[in-house]
Protein backbone atom coordinates (compact mmCIF):
# COMPACT_ATOMS: atom_id res chain seq x y z
CA MET A 1 5.46 40.34 21.12
CA ALA A 2 8.01 38.94 18.75
CA LYS A 3 8.38 35.37 17.50
CA ILE A 4 11.43 33.31 16.73
CA LYS A 5 10.93 30.04 14.91
CA ILE A 6 13.51 27.39 14.11
CA VAL A 7 12.22 24.81 11.65
CA ASN A 8 13.26 21.21 11.00
CA MET A 9 16.16 20.80 13.40
CA MET A 10 17.33 17.18 13.31
CA PHE A 11 18.82 15.37 16.30
CA TYR A 12 19.49 11.73 17.07
CA GLY A 13 17.87 10.65 20.32
CA PHE A 14 16.76 7.65 22.34
CA HIS A 15 13.07 8.23 23.01
CA GLY A 16 10.04 5.98 22.77
CA MET A 17 7.61 3.78 24.63
CA TYR A 18 9.52 0.61 23.84
CA GLU A 19 12.90 -0.36 25.23
CA TYR A 20 14.34 -1.04 21.79
CA GLU A 21 13.51 2.56 20.77
CA ARG A 22 15.41 3.91 23.77
CA GLU A 23 18.35 1.57 23.08
CA GLN A 24 18.72 1.92 19.30
CA GLY A 25 17.62 5.54 18.92
CA GLN A 26 16.59 7.36 15.76
CA LYS A 27 16.36 10.77 14.13
CA PHE A 28 13.82 13.27 15.44
CA TYR A 29 12.82 16.51 13.74
CA PHE A 30 11.90 19.64 15.72
CA ASP A 31 10.25 22.98 15.09
CA VAL A 32 10.44 25.36 18.04
CA GLU A 33 8.54 28.65 18.07
CA VAL A 34 9.21 31.10 20.89
CA THR A 35 7.01 34.12 21.58
CA THR A 36 8.41 36.94 23.69
CA ARG A 37 6.43 38.81 26.36
CA ASN A 38 6.67 42.08 24.45
CA ASP A 39 8.15 43.53 21.29
CA LYS A 40 10.75 45.72 23.00
CA VAL A 41 13.44 44.13 20.81
CA VAL A 42 11.80 45.65 17.73
CA GLU A 43 12.62 49.14 19.02
CA SER A 44 15.83 48.43 20.93
CA ASP A 45 17.58 46.16 18.41
CA ASP A 46 19.28 44.64 21.47
CA VAL A 47 19.71 40.89 21.92
CA ALA A 48 19.20 41.38 25.67
CA ASP A 49 15.52 42.05 24.92
CA THR A 50 14.93 38.68 23.26
CA ILE A 51 16.17 35.10 23.18
CA ASP A 52 18.88 34.24 20.71
CA SER A 53 18.06 31.49 18.19
CA SER A 54 21.32 29.69 19.01
CA THR A 55 20.09 29.42 22.62
CA ILE A 56 16.88 27.76 21.44
CA TYR A 57 18.87 25.35 19.28
CA ALA A 58 21.27 24.48 22.11
CA ALA A 59 18.48 23.86 24.64
CA THR A 60 16.66 21.58 22.20
CA LYS A 61 19.83 19.67 21.32
CA GLU A 62 20.77 19.20 24.98
CA ALA A 63 17.34 17.84 25.91
CA VAL A 64 17.15 15.45 22.95
CA GLU A 65 20.67 14.10 23.16
CA ASN A 66 21.19 13.96 26.93
CA LYS A 67 17.84 12.77 28.27
CA ARG A 68 15.48 9.89 27.50
CA PHE A 69 11.72 10.12 27.40
CA HIS A 70 9.01 7.53 26.85
CA LEU A 71 6.66 10.09 25.30
CA LEU A 72 7.42 12.87 22.85
CA GLN A 73 4.90 15.09 24.63
CA ALA A 74 7.07 14.93 27.76
CA LEU A 75 10.17 15.79 25.74
CA GLY A 76 8.42 18.77 24.11
CA GLY A 77 7.13 19.98 27.48
CA HIS A 78 10.61 19.70 28.96
CA ILE A 79 12.10 21.84 26.19
CA GLY A 80 9.39 24.48 26.54
CA ASP A 81 9.61 24.59 30.34
CA LYS A 82 13.39 24.90 30.23
CA LEU A 83 13.33 27.83 27.80
CA ILE A 84 10.67 29.62 29.84
CA ALA A 85 12.47 29.04 33.15
CA GLN A 86 15.85 30.23 31.89
CA HIS A 87 14.71 33.24 29.87
CA PRO A 88 12.30 35.70 31.52
CA VAL A 89 11.59 37.41 28.18
CA VAL A 90 9.89 34.21 26.89
CA ASP A 91 6.08 34.11 27.16
CA GLU A 92 5.23 30.99 25.18
CA VAL A 93 7.01 28.08 23.52
CA LYS A 94 5.51 25.76 20.93
CA VAL A 95 7.48 22.57 20.25
CA THR A 96 6.60 20.32 17.32
CA ILE A 97 8.33 16.93 17.10
CA ARG A 98 8.26 14.51 14.18
CA LYS A 99 9.26 10.86 14.44
CA GLN A 100 9.48 8.76 11.26
CA TYR A 101 9.85 5.27 12.61
CA VAL A 102 6.98 4.28 14.85
CA PRO A 103 5.56 0.87 15.77
CA ILE A 104 2.40 1.32 13.67
CA PRO A 105 1.56 -1.44 11.19
CA GLY A 106 0.91 0.67 8.13
CA PRO A 107 2.46 3.19 5.75
CA LEU A 108 2.93 6.74 7.02
CA ASP A 109 5.40 9.58 6.68
CA TYR A 110 5.78 10.35 10.39
CA VAL A 111 3.98 10.89 13.66
CA GLN A 112 3.92 14.49 14.88
CA ILE A 113 3.14 15.94 18.28
CA GLU A 114 2.83 19.55 19.35
CA VAL A 115 3.19 20.92 22.86
CA VAL A 116 2.57 24.53 23.89
CA ARG A 117 3.91 25.83 27.20
CA LYS A 118 3.05 29.28 28.54
CA ALA A 119 4.86 31.31 31.20
CA GLU A 120 2.85 32.16 34.30
């Protein structure tokens, strides 16, 4: 297996439990880690044996900016499922999402969720 990790991607999206969150939007921060089914790419040095990091970035950006979710877990699952469905070399995707502005009455840096999706 081989892993590709993109850390701290920032996108503006319209996600949240409350209507005002989905109307006003905010910045979200993403880490996406993709594990391949094997490590063939290590020997072949061929991009066809892996998933390109720009593909991971584009899939994340598209989901965040073109869809709306009430829950970040659903957004993370959607990203993972999409990468697995479109790229047979992918075995597992871990999506971490951070959201700074949450309706919690107290000081905090951010809320973070993590979703792991595995190919069947």
